Amino acid sequence: AVVGKILSTSKHVVHARLWETQDKGSGQLVGDIDFRPMKTSAAFKGMRSQMQWLTEKQLTEHLESFPRVQDPRQCMAIERGVELVSFAEKADCVECELKNNHTGMTERVATKFLLGTDGGRSTIRKQLGFTFDGETTAEYFVALHARFENYVGALDCMDLYFSKGSDPHAAGMIFVMPMIDDGFLVIADLDKHQQKEWLTGEVDRHGQPVLRQPTAEEICKIMATRGCGQ
């Protein structure tokens, strides 16, 4: 049921393109991947895009339609703002200590499964003793969801732009995904030089500089220098 709901609301993206820009102006198309010849159902050829909040809403509604194990007359509830503090594997269950970050109260829960989907700083991974090989590098991106005039992309295509040039904002990449409102989700990376005009003078808990929120006009300027249109 949830798959059908997502298919009915999401944007069907049927191909992906790769662009290269040497300097200001239009990018040169260097690759186009057409997903339509894929040997699968037409609904699943390519990618599906929609806002994250909408996907989360649909998944939450689906999960909350399931009956509770303790009392099948009631439905499950999704609780947010609850932190896993610790866990212990028992003979017939996993015993978890949870903390409600809204109230500060803790509770113990016994569950059949514990899924480790809590990100790179995973509490579950650390307690199990699994290593996180490699290193983490500081990467900065700006994002905007909006409609654009004079954009070179299409409403059924994901575009990835790589560019270099004399303009200070030119060097880098831009990822553009069409969305269900006929707008686009734009994500652009920023190197250390490009970050300077957005520095706030503050640092986050990891010691990395905090950037101010860029304006829509500033992101459009970056897009223009990287071959996305004028």
C-alpha atoms as a PDB file:
ATOM      1  CA  ALA A   1       0.000   0.000   0.000  1.00  0.00           C
ATOM      2  CA  VAL A   2       2.756   2.452   0.864  1.00  0.00           C
ATOM      3  CA  VAL A   3       4.595   1.757  -2.401  1.00  0.00           C
ATOM      4  CA  GLY A   4       1.494   2.592  -4.408  1.00  0.00           C
ATOM      5  CA  LYS A   5       0.993   5.804  -2.452  1.00  0.00           C
ATOM      6  CA  ILE A   6       4.581   6.948  -3.090  1.00  0.00           C
ATOM      7  CA  LEU A   7       4.324   6.049  -6.769  1.00  0.00           C
ATOM      8  CA  SER A   8       1.151   8.112  -7.062  1.00  0.00           C
ATOM      9  CA  THR A   9       2.644  11.274  -5.533  1.00  0.00           C
ATOM     10  CA  SER A  10       6.289  11.223  -6.648  1.00  0.00           C
ATOM     11  CA  LYS A  11       7.950  12.573  -9.780  1.00  0.00           C
ATOM     12  CA  HIS A  12       9.065   9.906 -12.278  1.00  0.00           C
ATOM     13  CA  VAL A  13      12.641  10.697 -13.372  1.00  0.00           C
ATOM     14  CA  VAL A  14      13.463   8.654 -16.460  1.00  0.00           C
ATOM     15  CA  HIS A  15      17.021   9.665 -17.307  1.00  0.00           C
ATOM     16  CA  ALA A  16      20.162  11.263 -15.875  1.00  0.00           C
ATOM     17  CA  ARG A  17      22.675  13.556 -17.557  1.00  0.00           C
ATOM     18  CA  LEU A  18      26.262  14.595 -16.889  1.00  0.00           C
ATOM     19  CA  TRP A  19      27.456  18.068 -17.904  1.00  0.00           C
ATOM     20  CA  GLU A  20      30.895  19.690 -18.037  1.00  0.00           C
ATOM     21  CA  THR A  21      31.519  23.439 -18.062  1.00  0.00           C
ATOM     22  CA  GLN A  22      34.940  24.989 -18.697  1.00  0.00           C
ATOM     23  CA  ASP A  23      33.946  28.588 -17.987  1.00  0.00           C
ATOM     24  CA  LYS A  24      30.875  30.844 -17.908  1.00  0.00           C
ATOM     25  CA  GLY A  25      28.077  29.840 -20.227  1.00  0.00           C
ATOM     26  CA  SER A  26      26.233  26.694 -21.154  1.00  0.00           C
ATOM     27  CA  GLY A  27      27.603  23.332 -20.115  1.00  0.00           C
ATOM     28  CA  GLN A  28      28.561  20.615 -22.569  1.00  0.00           C
ATOM     29  CA  LEU A  29      26.581  17.382 -22.315  1.00  0.00           C
ATOM     30  CA  VAL A  30      29.026  14.487 -21.882  1.00  0.00           C
ATOM     31  CA  GLY A  31      26.667  11.695 -20.840  1.00  0.00           C
ATOM     32  CA  ASP A  32      22.973  10.765 -20.867  1.00  0.00           C
ATOM     33  CA  ILE A  33      21.642   7.635 -19.160  1.00  0.00           C
ATOM     34  CA  ASP A  34      18.173   6.610 -20.284  1.00  0.00           C
ATOM     35  CA  PHE A  35      16.409   4.435 -17.709  1.00  0.00           C
ATOM     36  CA  ARG A  36      13.407   3.578 -19.881  1.00  0.00           C
ATOM     37  CA  PRO A  37      14.967   0.456 -21.514  1.00  0.00           C
ATOM     38  CA  MET A  38      15.401  -1.136 -18.058  1.00  0.00           C
ATOM     39  CA  LYS A  39      13.890  -4.620 -17.865  1.00  0.00           C
ATOM     40  CA  THR A  40      11.424  -3.924 -15.078  1.00  0.00           C
ATOM     41  CA  SER A  41       7.916  -2.623 -14.541  1.00  0.00           C
ATOM     42  CA  ALA A  42       7.343   0.779 -16.154  1.00  0.00           C
ATOM     43  CA  ALA A  43       6.614   2.352 -12.771  1.00  0.00           C
ATOM     44  CA  PHE A  44      10.060   1.404 -11.474  1.00  0.00           C
ATOM     45  CA  LYS A  45      12.174   2.434 -14.479  1.00  0.00           C
ATOM     46  CA  GLY A  46      14.411   5.258 -13.318  1.00  0.00           C
ATOM     47  CA  MET A  47      14.088   7.187 -10.065  1.00  0.00           C
ATOM     48  CA  ARG A  48      11.312   8.685  -7.977  1.00  0.00           C
ATOM     49  CA  SER A  49      11.603  12.082  -6.346  1.00  0.00           C
ATOM     50  CA  GLN A  50       9.542  14.023  -3.841  1.00  0.00           C
ATOM     51  CA  MET A  51      10.097  16.066  -0.706  1.00  0.00           C
ATOM     52  CA  GLN A  52      11.597  14.155   2.225  1.00  0.00           C
ATOM     53  CA  TRP A  53       8.864  15.328   4.609  1.00  0.00           C
ATOM     54  CA  LEU A  54       6.237  13.782   2.332  1.00  0.00           C
ATOM     55  CA  THR A  55       8.039  10.425   2.154  1.00  0.00           C
ATOM     56  CA  GLU A  56       8.425  10.403   5.945  1.00  0.00           C
ATOM     57  CA  LYS A  57       4.734  11.246   6.362  1.00  0.00           C
ATOM     58  CA  GLN A  58       3.690   8.372   4.097  1.00  0.00           C
ATOM     59  CA  LEU A  59       6.002   5.882   5.822  1.00  0.00           C
ATOM     60  CA  THR A  60       4.821   7.025   9.256  1.00  0.00           C
ATOM     61  CA  GLU A  61       1.158   6.663   8.312  1.00  0.00           C
ATOM     62  CA  HIS A  62       1.852   3.182   6.940  1.00  0.00           C
ATOM     63  CA  LEU A  63       3.723   2.010  10.050  1.00  0.00           C
ATOM     64  CA  GLU A  64       1.078   3.459  12.347  1.00  0.00           C
ATOM     65  CA  SER A  65      -1.560   1.341  10.594  1.00  0.00           C
ATOM     66  CA  PHE A  66       0.001  -1.866  11.982  1.00  0.00           C
ATOM     67  CA  PRO A  67      -1.530  -3.372  15.146  1.00  0.00           C
ATOM     68  CA  ARG A  68       0.498  -3.329  18.344  1.00  0.00           C
ATOM     69  CA  VAL A  69       1.876  -6.694  19.430  1.00  0.00           C
ATOM     70  CA  GLN A  70       0.877  -6.071  23.065  1.00  0.00           C
ATOM     71  CA  ASP A  71      -2.676  -5.064  22.167  1.00  0.00           C
ATOM     72  CA  PRO A  72      -3.840  -5.740  18.561  1.00  0.00           C
ATOM     73  CA  ARG A  73      -6.862  -3.494  19.143  1.00  0.00           C
ATOM     74  CA  GLN A  74      -4.497  -0.519  19.083  1.00  0.00           C
ATOM     75  CA  CYS A  75      -2.109   0.647  16.353  1.00  0.00           C
ATOM     76  CA  MET A  76       1.592   1.258  16.561  1.00  0.00           C
ATOM     77  CA  ALA A  77       2.897   4.752  17.333  1.00  0.00           C
ATOM     78  CA  ILE A  78       6.031   6.381  15.951  1.00  0.00           C
ATOM     79  CA  GLU A  79       7.860   8.275  18.695  1.00  0.00           C
ATOM     80  CA  ARG A  80      10.404  10.968  17.782  1.00  0.00           C
ATOM     81  CA  GLY A  81      12.919  12.600  20.083  1.00  0.00           C
ATOM     82  CA  VAL A  82      13.715   9.251  21.741  1.00  0.00           C
ATOM     83  CA  GLU A  83      17.386   8.330  22.111  1.00  0.00           C
ATOM     84  CA  LEU A  84      18.892   4.855  22.425  1.00  0.00           C
ATOM     85  CA  VAL A  85      21.225   5.027  25.437  1.00  0.00           C
ATOM     86  CA  SER A  86      22.369   1.396  25.598  1.00  0.00           C
ATOM     87  CA  PHE A  87      21.269  -2.129  24.786  1.00  0.00           C
ATOM     88  CA  ALA A  88      22.001  -5.717  25.812  1.00  0.00           C
ATOM     89  CA  GLU A  89      21.389  -8.930  23.901  1.00  0.00           C
ATOM     90  CA  LYS A  90      19.410 -11.476  25.897  1.00  0.00           C
ATOM     91  CA  ALA A  91      18.507 -15.077  25.090  1.00  0.00           C
ATOM     92  CA  ASP A  92      15.118 -14.203  23.609  1.00  0.00           C
ATOM     93  CA  CYS A  93      15.250 -10.448  22.996  1.00  0.00           C
ATOM     94  CA  VAL A  94      17.279  -7.256  22.866  1.00  0.00           C
ATOM     95  CA  GLU A  95      16.820  -5.113  25.959  1.00  0.00           C
ATOM     96  CA  CYS A  96      17.105  -1.399  25.189  1.00  0.00           C
ATOM     97  CA  GLU A  97      17.412   1.621  27.453  1.00  0.00           C
ATOM     98  CA  LEU A  98      15.666   4.617  25.904  1.00  0.00           C
ATOM     99  CA  LYS A  99      15.698   8.286  26.881  1.00  0.00           C
ATOM    100  CA  ASN A 100      12.909  10.698  26.019  1.00  0.00           C
ATOM    101  CA  ASN A 101      14.751  13.917  25.145  1.00  0.00           C
ATOM    102  CA  HIS A 102      11.585  15.965  25.693  1.00  0.00           C
ATOM    103  CA  THR A 103      10.980  14.826  29.265  1.00  0.00           C
ATOM    104  CA  GLY A 104      14.387  13.424  30.285  1.00  0.00           C
ATOM    105  CA  MET A 105      12.737  10.191  31.436  1.00  0.00           C
ATOM    106  CA  THR A 106      14.259   6.780  30.658  1.00  0.00           C
ATOM    107  CA  GLU A 107      12.631   3.394  30.149  1.00  0.00           C
ATOM    108  CA  ARG A 108      13.606  -0.152  29.264  1.00  0.00           C
ATOM    109  CA  VAL A 109      12.095  -1.929  26.281  1.00  0.00           C
ATOM    110  CA  ALA A 110      12.460  -5.566  25.199  1.00  0.00           C
ATOM    111  CA  THR A 111      12.322  -6.105  21.446  1.00  0.00           C
ATOM    112  CA  LYS A 112      12.910  -8.934  19.020  1.00  0.00           C
ATOM    113  CA  PHE A 113      15.022  -6.835  16.642  1.00  0.00           C
ATOM    114  CA  LEU A 114      17.169  -3.708  16.924  1.00  0.00           C
ATOM    115  CA  LEU A 115      17.991  -2.064  13.591  1.00  0.00           C
ATOM    116  CA  GLY A 116      21.271  -0.141  13.366  1.00  0.00           C
ATOM    117  CA  THR A 117      20.170   2.724  11.117  1.00  0.00           C
ATOM    118  CA  ASP A 118      21.458   5.557  13.291  1.00  0.00           C
ATOM    119  CA  GLY A 119      24.122   7.045  11.012  1.00  0.00           C
ATOM    120  CA  GLY A 120      27.880   7.454  10.974  1.00  0.00           C
ATOM    121  CA  ARG A 121      28.121   8.130  14.732  1.00  0.00           C
ATOM    122  CA  SER A 122      25.978   5.060  15.415  1.00  0.00           C
ATOM    123  CA  THR A 123      25.500   4.143  19.080  1.00  0.00           C
ATOM    124  CA  ILE A 124      24.706   0.599  17.985  1.00  0.00           C
ATOM    125  CA  ARG A 125      27.868   0.243  15.893  1.00  0.00           C
ATOM    126  CA  LYS A 126      30.080   1.578  18.680  1.00  0.00           C
ATOM    127  CA  GLN A 127      28.585  -0.682  21.354  1.00  0.00           C
ATOM    128  CA  LEU A 128      28.952  -3.718  19.086  1.00  0.00           C
ATOM    129  CA  GLY A 129      32.619  -2.819  18.584  1.00  0.00           C
ATOM    130  CA  PHE A 130      32.404  -2.438  14.800  1.00  0.00           C
ATOM    131  CA  THR A 131      35.014  -0.122  13.312  1.00  0.00           C
ATOM    132  CA  PHE A 132      34.319   2.814  11.026  1.00  0.00           C
ATOM    133  CA  ASP A 133      37.274   2.618   8.644  1.00  0.00           C
ATOM    134  CA  GLY A 134      38.459   5.619   6.656  1.00  0.00           C
ATOM    135  CA  GLU A 135      38.265   9.273   7.556  1.00  0.00           C
ATOM    136  CA  THR A 136      35.643  11.997   7.623  1.00  0.00           C
ATOM    137  CA  THR A 137      36.317  15.145   5.621  1.00  0.00           C
ATOM    138  CA  ALA A 138      34.503  18.451   6.028  1.00  0.00           C
ATOM    139  CA  GLU A 139      32.246  19.017   3.030  1.00  0.00           C
ATOM    140  CA  TYR A 140      29.996  22.034   2.617  1.00  0.00           C
ATOM    141  CA  PHE A 141      26.888  22.203   0.462  1.00  0.00           C
ATOM    142  CA  VAL A 142      24.123  24.712  -0.158  1.00  0.00           C
ATOM    143  CA  ALA A 143      20.631  23.575  -1.115  1.00  0.00           C
ATOM    144  CA  LEU A 144      17.534  25.208  -2.574  1.00  0.00           C
ATOM    145  CA  HIS A 145      14.125  23.881  -3.619  1.00  0.00           C
ATOM    146  CA  ALA A 146      12.557  26.331  -6.083  1.00  0.00           C
ATOM    147  CA  ARG A 147      11.292  26.952  -9.592  1.00  0.00           C
ATOM    148  CA  PHE A 148      13.707  28.537 -12.066  1.00  0.00           C
ATOM    149  CA  GLU A 149      13.560  30.558 -15.245  1.00  0.00           C
ATOM    150  CA  ASN A 150      16.082  29.857 -18.052  1.00  0.00           C
ATOM    151  CA  TYR A 151      17.289  26.615 -16.459  1.00  0.00           C
ATOM    152  CA  VAL A 152      18.703  24.180 -19.045  1.00  0.00           C
ATOM    153  CA  GLY A 153      17.393  21.029 -17.349  1.00  0.00           C
ATOM    154  CA  ALA A 154      14.150  19.090 -17.833  1.00  0.00           C
ATOM    155  CA  LEU A 155      11.307  18.024 -15.549  1.00  0.00           C
ATOM    156  CA  ASP A 156      11.942  14.310 -16.073  1.00  0.00           C
ATOM    157  CA  CYS A 157      15.743  14.303 -15.797  1.00  0.00           C
ATOM    158  CA  MET A 158      18.319  14.384 -12.996  1.00  0.00           C
ATOM    159  CA  ASP A 159      21.329  16.527 -13.921  1.00  0.00           C
ATOM    160  CA  LEU A 160      24.852  16.594 -12.497  1.00  0.00           C
ATOM    161  CA  TYR A 161      27.135  19.494 -13.431  1.00  0.00           C
ATOM    162  CA  PHE A 162      30.915  19.574 -13.031  1.00  0.00           C
ATOM    163  CA  SER A 163      32.656  22.842 -13.785  1.00  0.00           C
ATOM    164  CA  LYS A 164      35.807  24.892 -13.557  1.00  0.00           C
ATOM    165  CA  GLY A 165      36.562  28.410 -14.729  1.00  0.00           C
ATOM    166  CA  SER A 166      37.821  31.877 -13.901  1.00  0.00           C
ATOM    167  CA  ASP A 167      34.800  32.928 -11.839  1.00  0.00           C
ATOM    168  CA  PRO A 168      35.395  32.382  -8.071  1.00  0.00           C
ATOM    169  CA  HIS A 169      32.129  30.420  -7.797  1.00  0.00           C
ATOM    170  CA  ALA A 170      32.691  28.246 -10.875  1.00  0.00           C
ATOM    171  CA  ALA A 171      34.799  25.379  -9.542  1.00  0.00           C
ATOM    172  CA  GLY A 172      32.650  22.564  -8.168  1.00  0.00           C
ATOM    173  CA  MET A 173      29.594  20.453  -8.797  1.00  0.00           C
ATOM    174  CA  ILE A 174      25.827  20.877  -8.758  1.00  0.00           C
ATOM    175  CA  PHE A 175      23.211  18.152  -8.383  1.00  0.00           C
ATOM    176  CA  VAL A 176      19.702  19.001  -9.652  1.00  0.00           C
ATOM    177  CA  MET A 177      16.636  16.789  -9.170  1.00  0.00           C
ATOM    178  CA  PRO A 178      13.155  17.646 -10.514  1.00  0.00           C
ATOM    179  CA  MET A 179      10.434  17.708  -7.867  1.00  0.00           C
ATOM    180  CA  ILE A 180       6.681  17.127  -7.853  1.00  0.00           C
ATOM    181  CA  ASP A 181       5.777  20.844  -7.859  1.00  0.00           C
ATOM    182  CA  ASP A 182       7.603  21.410 -11.178  1.00  0.00           C
ATOM    183  CA  GLY A 183      10.467  22.909  -9.200  1.00  0.00           C
ATOM    184  CA  PHE A 184      13.943  21.508  -8.616  1.00  0.00           C
ATOM    185  CA  LEU A 185      16.069  20.495  -5.649  1.00  0.00           C
ATOM    186  CA  VAL A 186      19.520  22.038  -6.177  1.00  0.00           C
ATOM    187  CA  ILE A 187      22.588  21.021  -4.145  1.00  0.00           C
ATOM    188  CA  ALA A 188      25.948  22.717  -4.785  1.00  0.00           C
ATOM    189  CA  ASP A 189      29.286  22.164  -3.045  1.00  0.00           C
ATOM    190  CA  LEU A 190      31.486  24.985  -1.735  1.00  0.00           C
ATOM    191  CA  ASP A 191      35.272  24.950  -1.343  1.00  0.00           C
ATOM    192  CA  LYS A 192      37.053  26.925   1.386  1.00  0.00           C
ATOM    193  CA  HIS A 193      37.461  30.009  -0.797  1.00  0.00           C
ATOM    194  CA  GLN A 194      33.791  29.999  -1.835  1.00  0.00           C
ATOM    195  CA  GLN A 195      32.666  29.728   1.797  1.00  0.00           C
ATOM    196  CA  LYS A 196      34.331  32.982   2.889  1.00  0.00           C
ATOM    197  CA  GLU A 197      31.429  35.321   2.111  1.00  0.00           C
ATOM    198  CA  TRP A 198      29.048  33.130   4.160  1.00  0.00           C
ATOM    199  CA  LEU A 199      31.196  32.619   7.273  1.00  0.00           C
ATOM    200  CA  THR A 200      29.512  33.666  10.529  1.00  0.00           C
ATOM    201  CA  GLY A 201      32.609  33.486  12.740  1.00  0.00           C
ATOM    202  CA  GLU A 202      31.044  30.643  14.741  1.00  0.00           C
ATOM    203  CA  VAL A 203      32.031  26.960  14.831  1.00  0.00           C
ATOM    204  CA  ASP A 204      29.921  23.859  15.373  1.00  0.00           C
ATOM    205  CA  ARG A 205      30.469  21.122  17.973  1.00  0.00           C
ATOM    206  CA  HIS A 206      33.043  19.503  15.701  1.00  0.00           C
ATOM    207  CA  GLY A 207      35.051  22.707  15.347  1.00  0.00           C
ATOM    208  CA  GLN A 208      33.943  23.357  11.786  1.00  0.00           C
ATOM    209  CA  PRO A 209      32.907  26.868  10.659  1.00  0.00           C
ATOM    210  CA  VAL A 210      29.192  27.691  10.620  1.00  0.00           C
ATOM    211  CA  LEU A 211      27.900  29.331   7.453  1.00  0.00           C
ATOM    212  CA  ARG A 212      24.978  31.711   7.190  1.00  0.00           C
ATOM    213  CA  GLN A 213      22.026  30.746   5.014  1.00  0.00           C
ATOM    214  CA  PRO A 214      22.640  31.903   1.431  1.00  0.00           C
ATOM    215  CA  THR A 215      19.970  33.763  -0.474  1.00  0.00           C
ATOM    216  CA  ALA A 216      18.160  32.322  -3.495  1.00  0.00           C
ATOM    217  CA  GLU A 217      19.953  34.907  -5.662  1.00  0.00           C
ATOM    218  CA  GLU A 218      23.351  33.719  -4.423  1.00  0.00           C
ATOM    219  CA  ILE A 219      22.566  30.096  -5.272  1.00  0.00           C
ATOM    220  CA  CYS A 220      21.305  31.139  -8.723  1.00  0.00           C
ATOM    221  CA  LYS A 221      24.615  32.934  -9.279  1.00  0.00           C
ATOM    222  CA  ILE A 222      26.501  29.724  -8.506  1.00  0.00           C
ATOM    223  CA  MET A 223      24.212  27.798 -10.853  1.00  0.00           C
ATOM    224  CA  ALA A 224      24.856  30.258 -13.687  1.00  0.00           C
ATOM    225  CA  THR A 225      28.629  30.039 -13.317  1.00  0.00           C
ATOM    226  CA  ARG A 226      28.487  26.230 -13.363  1.00  0.00           C
ATOM    227  CA  GLY A 227      26.566  25.838 -16.603  1.00  0.00           C
ATOM    228  CA  CYS A 228      22.958  25.491 -15.405  1.00  0.00           C
ATOM    229  CA  GLY A 229      21.632  28.411 -17.466  1.00  0.00           C
ATOM    230  CA  GLN A 230      21.345  32.171 -17.088  1.00  0.00           C
END
